[in-house]
C-alpha atoms as a PDB file:
ATOM      1  CA  MET A   1       0.000   0.000   0.000  1.00  0.00           C
ATOM      2  CA  ASN A   2       2.852   2.380   0.838  1.00  0.00           C
ATOM      3  CA  SER A   3       4.148   1.980  -2.727  1.00  0.00           C
ATOM      4  CA  VAL A   4       0.945   3.638  -3.968  1.00  0.00           C
ATOM      5  CA  MET A   5       0.112   5.909  -1.039  1.00  0.00           C
ATOM      6  CA  ASN A   6       1.989   6.895   2.105  1.00  0.00           C
ATOM      7  CA  VAL A   7      -0.581   5.731   4.661  1.00  0.00           C
ATOM      8  CA  GLY A   8       1.175   7.422   7.558  1.00  0.00           C
ATOM      9  CA  LEU A   9       1.207  10.776   5.772  1.00  0.00           C
ATOM     10  CA  PHE A  10      -2.439  10.349   4.758  1.00  0.00           C
ATOM     11  CA  THR A  11      -3.383   9.753   8.386  1.00  0.00           C
ATOM     12  CA  SER A  12      -1.399  12.804   9.535  1.00  0.00           C
ATOM     13  CA  VAL A  13      -2.988  15.050   6.899  1.00  0.00           C
ATOM     14  CA  PHE A  14      -6.517  13.827   7.619  1.00  0.00           C
ATOM     15  CA  VAL A  15      -6.257  13.988  11.420  1.00  0.00           C
ATOM     16  CA  THR A  16      -4.562  17.397  11.409  1.00  0.00           C
ATOM     17  CA  LEU A  17      -7.112  18.950   9.051  1.00  0.00           C
ATOM     18  CA  PHE A  18      -9.937  17.260  10.965  1.00  0.00           C
ATOM     19  CA  VAL A  19      -8.994  18.807  14.282  1.00  0.00           C
ATOM     20  CA  ILE A  20      -8.347  22.198  12.645  1.00  0.00           C
ATOM     21  CA  MET A  21     -11.503  22.356  10.538  1.00  0.00           C
ATOM     22  CA  ASP A  22     -13.498  20.677  13.349  1.00  0.00           C
ATOM     23  CA  PRO A  23     -16.529  19.297  11.418  1.00  0.00           C
ATOM     24  CA  PRO A  24     -18.698  18.711  14.549  1.00  0.00           C
ATOM     25  CA  GLY A  25     -17.925  22.220  15.784  1.00  0.00           C
ATOM     26  CA  THR A  26     -19.166  23.762  12.536  1.00  0.00           C
ATOM     27  CA  VAL A  27     -22.601  22.184  12.921  1.00  0.00           C
ATOM     28  CA  PRO A  28     -24.143  24.773  15.300  1.00  0.00           C
ATOM     29  CA  LEU A  29     -22.540  27.609  13.316  1.00  0.00           C
ATOM     30  CA  PHE A  30     -23.921  26.252  10.048  1.00  0.00           C
ATOM     31  CA  ILE A  31     -27.370  25.852  11.552  1.00  0.00           C
ATOM     32  CA  SER A  32     -27.356  29.399  12.946  1.00  0.00           C
ATOM     33  CA  LEU A  33     -26.132  30.926   9.666  1.00  0.00           C
ATOM     34  CA  THR A  34     -28.765  29.078   7.625  1.00  0.00           C
ATOM     35  CA  ALA A  35     -31.602  29.546  10.106  1.00  0.00           C
ATOM     36  CA  GLY A  36     -34.929  30.265   8.462  1.00  0.00           C
ATOM     37  CA  GLN A  37     -33.814  28.965   5.068  1.00  0.00           C
ATOM     38  CA  SER A  38     -35.383  26.068   3.232  1.00  0.00           C
ATOM     39  CA  ARG A  39     -33.921  22.568   3.261  1.00  0.00           C
ATOM     40  CA  ALA A  40     -32.921  22.894  -0.394  1.00  0.00           C
ATOM     41  CA  VAL A  41     -31.042  26.133   0.300  1.00  0.00           C
ATOM     42  CA  ARG A  42     -29.192  24.533   3.239  1.00  0.00           C
ATOM     43  CA  LYS A  43     -28.175  21.580   1.041  1.00  0.00           C
ATOM     44  CA  LYS A  44     -26.888  23.967  -1.617  1.00  0.00           C
ATOM     45  CA  ALA A  45     -24.993  26.029   0.958  1.00  0.00           C
ATOM     46  CA  ALA A  46     -23.360  22.861   2.337  1.00  0.00           C
ATOM     47  CA  TRP A  47     -21.805  21.702  -0.934  1.00  0.00           C
ATOM     48  CA  GLN A  48     -20.949  25.239  -2.051  1.00  0.00           C
ATOM     49  CA  ALA A  49     -19.098  25.958   1.206  1.00  0.00           C
ATOM     50  CA  VAL A  50     -17.128  22.711   0.993  1.00  0.00           C
ATOM     51  CA  LEU A  51     -16.319  23.347  -2.679  1.00  0.00           C
ATOM     52  CA  VAL A  52     -15.018  26.841  -1.871  1.00  0.00           C
ATOM     53  CA  ALA A  53     -12.905  25.514   0.997  1.00  0.00           C
ATOM     54  CA  PHE A  54     -11.543  22.717  -1.198  1.00  0.00           C
ATOM     55  CA  GLY A  55     -10.591  25.194  -3.918  1.00  0.00           C
ATOM     56  CA  VAL A  56      -8.759  27.467  -1.473  1.00  0.00           C
ATOM     57  CA  ILE A  57      -6.828  24.569   0.095  1.00  0.00           C
ATOM     58  CA  VAL A  58      -5.864  23.119  -3.295  1.00  0.00           C
ATOM     59  CA  VAL A  59      -4.616  26.488  -4.573  1.00  0.00           C
ATOM     60  CA  PHE A  60      -2.313  26.933  -1.582  1.00  0.00           C
ATOM     61  CA  ALA A  61      -1.207  23.295  -1.730  1.00  0.00           C
ATOM     62  CA  ALA A  62      -0.279  23.674  -5.408  1.00  0.00           C
ATOM     63  CA  PHE A  63       1.225  27.161  -5.402  1.00  0.00           C
ATOM     64  CA  GLY A  64       2.158  27.717  -1.768  1.00  0.00           C
ATOM     65  CA  GLN A  65       5.785  26.725  -2.292  1.00  0.00           C
ATOM     66  CA  GLN A  66       6.199  29.224  -5.119  1.00  0.00           C
ATOM     67  CA  ILE A  67       4.732  31.938  -2.909  1.00  0.00           C
ATOM     68  CA  LEU A  68       7.152  31.083  -0.096  1.00  0.00           C
ATOM     69  CA  LYS A  69      10.100  30.994  -2.480  1.00  0.00           C
ATOM     70  CA  HIS A  70       9.161  34.392  -3.890  1.00  0.00           C
ATOM     71  CA  LEU A  71       8.935  35.839  -0.368  1.00  0.00           C
ATOM     72  CA  GLY A  72      12.156  34.136   0.759  1.00  0.00           C
ATOM     73  CA  ILE A  73      10.484  32.178   3.564  1.00  0.00           C
ATOM     74  CA  THR A  74      12.111  28.907   4.684  1.00  0.00           C
ATOM     75  CA  LEU A  75      10.301  25.725   5.716  1.00  0.00           C
ATOM     76  CA  PRO A  76      11.352  25.943   9.398  1.00  0.00           C
ATOM     77  CA  ALA A  77      10.046  29.530   9.532  1.00  0.00           C
ATOM     78  CA  LEU A  78       6.723  28.483   8.025  1.00  0.00           C
ATOM     79  CA  GLN A  79       6.560  25.449  10.296  1.00  0.00           C
ATOM     80  CA  CYS A  80       7.215  27.547  13.408  1.00  0.00           C
ATOM     81  CA  ALA A  81       4.696  30.223  12.386  1.00  0.00           C
ATOM     82  CA  GLY A  82       2.154  27.546  11.548  1.00  0.00           C
ATOM     83  CA  GLY A  83       2.700  25.843  14.891  1.00  0.00           C
ATOM     84  CA  LEU A  84       2.172  29.088  16.793  1.00  0.00           C
ATOM     85  CA  LEU A  85      -0.960  29.849  14.776  1.00  0.00           C
ATOM     86  CA  LEU A  86      -2.353  26.353  15.380  1.00  0.00           C
ATOM     87  CA  LEU A  87      -1.577  26.732  19.091  1.00  0.00           C
ATOM     88  CA  LEU A  88      -3.661  29.920  19.211  1.00  0.00           C
ATOM     89  CA  ILE A  89      -6.530  28.110  17.462  1.00  0.00           C
ATOM     90  CA  ALA A  90      -6.176  25.187  19.901  1.00  0.00           C
ATOM     91  CA  LEU A  91      -6.363  27.543  22.883  1.00  0.00           C
ATOM     92  CA  GLN A  92      -9.529  29.075  21.439  1.00  0.00           C
ATOM     93  CA  LEU A  93     -11.064  25.610  21.088  1.00  0.00           C
ATOM     94  CA  LEU A  94     -10.059  24.665  24.631  1.00  0.00           C
ATOM     95  CA  THR A  95     -11.204  27.904  26.267  1.00  0.00           C
ATOM     96  CA  ASP A  96     -14.205  28.628  24.026  1.00  0.00           C
ATOM     97  CA  THR A  97     -12.952  32.132  23.249  1.00  0.00           C
ATOM     98  CA  ALA A  98     -13.269  31.967  19.452  1.00  0.00           C
ATOM     99  CA  GLU A  99     -15.656  34.520  18.002  1.00  0.00           C
ATOM    100  CA  ASP A 100     -18.547  33.218  15.940  1.00  0.00           C
ATOM    101  CA  PRO A 101     -18.303  34.260  12.298  1.00  0.00           C
ATOM    102  CA  VAL A 102     -20.972  36.738  11.284  1.00  0.00           C
ATOM    103  CA  GLN A 103     -22.847  36.721   8.033  1.00  0.00           C
ATOM    104  CA  THR A 104     -21.598  39.422   5.682  1.00  0.00           C
ATOM    105  CA  LYS A 105     -24.376  41.486   4.143  1.00  0.00           C
ATOM    106  CA  ASN A 106     -25.199  40.785   0.473  1.00  0.00           C
ATOM    107  CA  VAL A 107     -22.656  37.934   0.377  1.00  0.00           C
ATOM    108  CA  ASN A 108     -23.485  34.252  -0.123  1.00  0.00           C
ATOM    109  CA  ILE A 109     -22.776  32.631   3.275  1.00  0.00           C
ATOM    110  CA  ALA A 110     -21.485  29.530   1.462  1.00  0.00           C
ATOM    111  CA  PHE A 111     -18.512  31.657   0.351  1.00  0.00           C
ATOM    112  CA  VAL A 112     -18.118  33.981   3.364  1.00  0.00           C
ATOM    113  CA  PRO A 113     -17.952  33.071   6.200  1.00  0.00           C
ATOM    114  CA  LEU A 114     -18.597  29.331   5.687  1.00  0.00           C
ATOM    115  CA  GLY A 115     -16.214  28.466   2.839  1.00  0.00           C
ATOM    116  CA  THR A 116     -13.592  30.824   4.176  1.00  0.00           C
ATOM    117  CA  PRO A 117     -12.525  31.589   6.839  1.00  0.00           C
ATOM    118  CA  LEU A 118     -14.645  29.059   8.776  1.00  0.00           C
ATOM    119  CA  LEU A 119     -13.582  25.953   6.829  1.00  0.00           C
ATOM    120  CA  ALA A 120     -10.507  27.031   4.858  1.00  0.00           C
ATOM    121  CA  GLY A 121      -9.017  29.283   7.501  1.00  0.00           C
ATOM    122  CA  PRO A 122      -5.393  30.259   8.124  1.00  0.00           C
ATOM    123  CA  GLY A 123      -4.749  27.149  10.214  1.00  0.00           C
ATOM    124  CA  ALA A 124      -5.889  24.700   7.522  1.00  0.00           C
ATOM    125  CA  ILE A 125      -4.016  26.628   4.815  1.00  0.00           C
ATOM    126  CA  VAL A 126      -0.745  26.740   6.754  1.00  0.00           C
ATOM    127  CA  ALA A 127      -1.011  23.083   7.803  1.00  0.00           C
ATOM    128  CA  THR A 128      -1.528  22.020   4.184  1.00  0.00           C
ATOM    129  CA  MET A 129       1.440  24.075   3.010  1.00  0.00           C
ATOM    130  CA  VAL A 130       3.627  22.551   5.734  1.00  0.00           C
ATOM    131  CA  PHE A 131       2.666  19.022   4.682  1.00  0.00           C
ATOM    132  CA  VAL A 132       3.426  19.816   1.045  1.00  0.00           C
ATOM    133  CA  GLN A 133       6.770  21.365   2.000  1.00  0.00           C
ATOM    134  CA  ARG A 134       7.758  18.391   4.153  1.00  0.00           C
ATOM    135  CA  ALA A 135       6.812  15.820   1.483  1.00  0.00           C
ATOM    136  CA  ASN A 136       9.642  14.640  -0.756  1.00  0.00           C
ATOM    137  CA  GLY A 137       7.586  14.967  -3.928  1.00  0.00           C
ATOM    138  CA  SER A 138       7.262  11.224  -4.496  1.00  0.00           C
ATOM    139  CA  LEU A 139       4.043   9.791  -5.935  1.00  0.00           C
ATOM    140  CA  PRO A 140       2.981   8.052  -2.661  1.00  0.00           C
ATOM    141  CA  ASP A 141       3.333  11.359  -0.766  1.00  0.00           C
ATOM    142  CA  VAL A 142       1.410  13.317  -3.403  1.00  0.00           C
ATOM    143  CA  VAL A 143      -1.358  10.697  -3.417  1.00  0.00           C
ATOM    144  CA  ALA A 144      -1.472  10.700   0.401  1.00  0.00           C
ATOM    145  CA  ILE A 145      -1.792  14.497   0.686  1.00  0.00           C
ATOM    146  CA  SER A 146      -4.376  14.635  -2.114  1.00  0.00           C
ATOM    147  CA  ALA A 147      -6.412  11.791  -0.614  1.00  0.00           C
ATOM    148  CA  GLY A 148      -6.254  13.374   2.841  1.00  0.00           C
ATOM    149  CA  ILE A 149      -7.542  16.703   1.526  1.00  0.00           C
ATOM    150  CA  VAL A 150     -10.346  15.023  -0.442  1.00  0.00           C
ATOM    151  CA  ALA A 151     -11.301  12.811   2.525  1.00  0.00           C
ATOM    152  CA  ILE A 152     -11.600  15.646   5.043  1.00  0.00           C
ATOM    153  CA  HIS A 153     -13.727  17.694   2.653  1.00  0.00           C
ATOM    154  CA  LEU A 154     -15.962  14.684   2.053  1.00  0.00           C
ATOM    155  CA  VAL A 155     -16.400  14.337   5.823  1.00  0.00           C
ATOM    156  CA  MET A 156     -17.083  18.067   6.075  1.00  0.00           C
ATOM    157  CA  TRP A 157     -19.755  17.881   3.364  1.00  0.00           C
ATOM    158  CA  LEU A 158     -21.465  14.930   5.066  1.00  0.00           C
ATOM    159  CA  THR A 159     -21.338  16.802   8.383  1.00  0.00           C
ATOM    160  CA  LEU A 160     -22.957  19.936   6.969  1.00  0.00           C
ATOM    161  CA  ARG A 161     -25.376  17.948   4.821  1.00  0.00           C
ATOM    162  CA  PHE A 162     -26.715  16.098   7.874  1.00  0.00           C
ATOM    163  CA  SER A 163     -26.063  18.892  10.392  1.00  0.00           C
ATOM    164  CA  GLY A 164     -29.586  18.781  11.776  1.00  0.00           C
ATOM    165  CA  VAL A 165     -29.398  15.056  12.491  1.00  0.00           C
ATOM    166  CA  ILE A 166     -25.913  15.346  14.045  1.00  0.00           C
ATOM    167  CA  MET A 167     -27.016  18.198  16.290  1.00  0.00           C
ATOM    168  CA  ARG A 168     -29.978  16.155  17.544  1.00  0.00           C
ATOM    169  CA  ILE A 169     -27.775  13.106  18.226  1.00  0.00           C
ATOM    170  CA  LEU A 170     -24.808  14.809  19.907  1.00  0.00           C
ATOM    171  CA  GLY A 171     -26.561  17.767  21.486  1.00  0.00           C
ATOM    172  CA  GLU A 172     -24.729  20.904  22.551  1.00  0.00           C
ATOM    173  CA  ASN A 173     -22.741  19.038  25.226  1.00  0.00           C
ATOM    174  CA  GLY A 174     -21.558  16.410  22.744  1.00  0.00           C
ATOM    175  CA  VAL A 175     -20.396  19.037  20.265  1.00  0.00           C
ATOM    176  CA  LEU A 176     -18.612  20.898  23.074  1.00  0.00           C
ATOM    177  CA  LEU A 177     -16.837  17.707  24.205  1.00  0.00           C
ATOM    178  CA  ILE A 178     -15.608  16.916  20.681  1.00  0.00           C
ATOM    179  CA  THR A 179     -14.430  20.514  20.275  1.00  0.00           C
ATOM    180  CA  ARG A 180     -12.408  20.306  23.505  1.00  0.00           C
ATOM    181  CA  ILE A 181     -10.793  17.009  22.435  1.00  0.00           C
ATOM    182  CA  ALA A 182      -9.980  18.537  19.038  1.00  0.00           C
ATOM    183  CA  GLY A 183      -8.364  21.489  20.801  1.00  0.00           C
ATOM    184  CA  LEU A 184      -6.195  19.183  22.914  1.00  0.00           C
ATOM    185  CA  LEU A 185      -5.023  17.190  19.885  1.00  0.00           C
ATOM    186  CA  LEU A 186      -4.384  20.360  17.909  1.00  0.00           C
ATOM    187  CA  SER A 187      -2.272  21.838  20.713  1.00  0.00           C
ATOM    188  CA  ALA A 188      -0.083  18.709  20.700  1.00  0.00           C
ATOM    189  CA  ILE A 189       0.330  18.956  16.909  1.00  0.00           C
ATOM    190  CA  ALA A 190       1.216  22.649  17.238  1.00  0.00           C
ATOM    191  CA  VAL A 191       3.876  22.017  19.877  1.00  0.00           C
ATOM    192  CA  GLN A 192       5.366  19.255  17.724  1.00  0.00           C
ATOM    193  CA  LEU A 193       5.569  21.613  14.739  1.00  0.00           C
ATOM    194  CA  VAL A 194       7.312  24.319  16.770  1.00  0.00           C
ATOM    195  CA  ALA A 195       9.722  21.806  18.313  1.00  0.00           C
ATOM    196  CA  GLY A 196      10.601  20.426  14.880  1.00  0.00           C
ATOM    197  CA  ALA A 197      11.159  23.939  13.524  1.00  0.00           C
ATOM    198  CA  VAL A 198      13.468  24.852  16.425  1.00  0.00           C
ATOM    199  CA  ARG A 199      15.461  21.637  15.873  1.00  0.00           C
ATOM    200  CA  ASP A 200      15.828  22.481  12.170  1.00  0.00           C
ATOM    201  CA  PHE A 201      16.950  26.033  13.015  1.00  0.00           C
ATOM    202  CA  ILE A 202      19.614  24.647  15.363  1.00  0.00           C
ATOM    203  CA  LYS A 203      20.859  22.185  12.735  1.00  0.00           C
ATOM    204  CA  ALA A 204      20.981  24.924  10.089  1.00  0.00           C
ATOM    205  CA  GLY A 205      22.830  27.298  12.428  1.00  0.00           C
END
């Protein structure tokens, strides 16, 4: 299997993006932003938001390295900055201090704020760019990163598509518990990224 796809890298990409994008945590936000709209409109908003997020992530995965090269930013610098950013997001998840995104007037909520920055936010973008930078460019790594990105967006679409059912099953306390666990896992990933960046800085110096 590893000759076709790097399973370990796929797992890392999927888990990292899962805890950052937090599908269960988006359920109450999605419901509040689409309150009063018909079922058909909510279905349309779900796939549009996921499609927008997917497009943003893919663009940065494909062209992020060129952007970094143009700006003269090294991988350890990006990794350290990404780790610090993910740590801030993790602290918000753990302490419930994140602000709810507000609907922008005259703008399709599937694009703003659902597609971005709620789904494809800075944390998901930076994490994807770090994975692409750390990959050696081999086919198994490319397949793993691509499959991980597709898989998390499929999960996100299913979550938004059946948001009403999920909210009834988990309840507010269940969503809160999953959000706290996601914050804990994300904080560990963030610390690992920063530690790896510091080690690379020391080796380079």
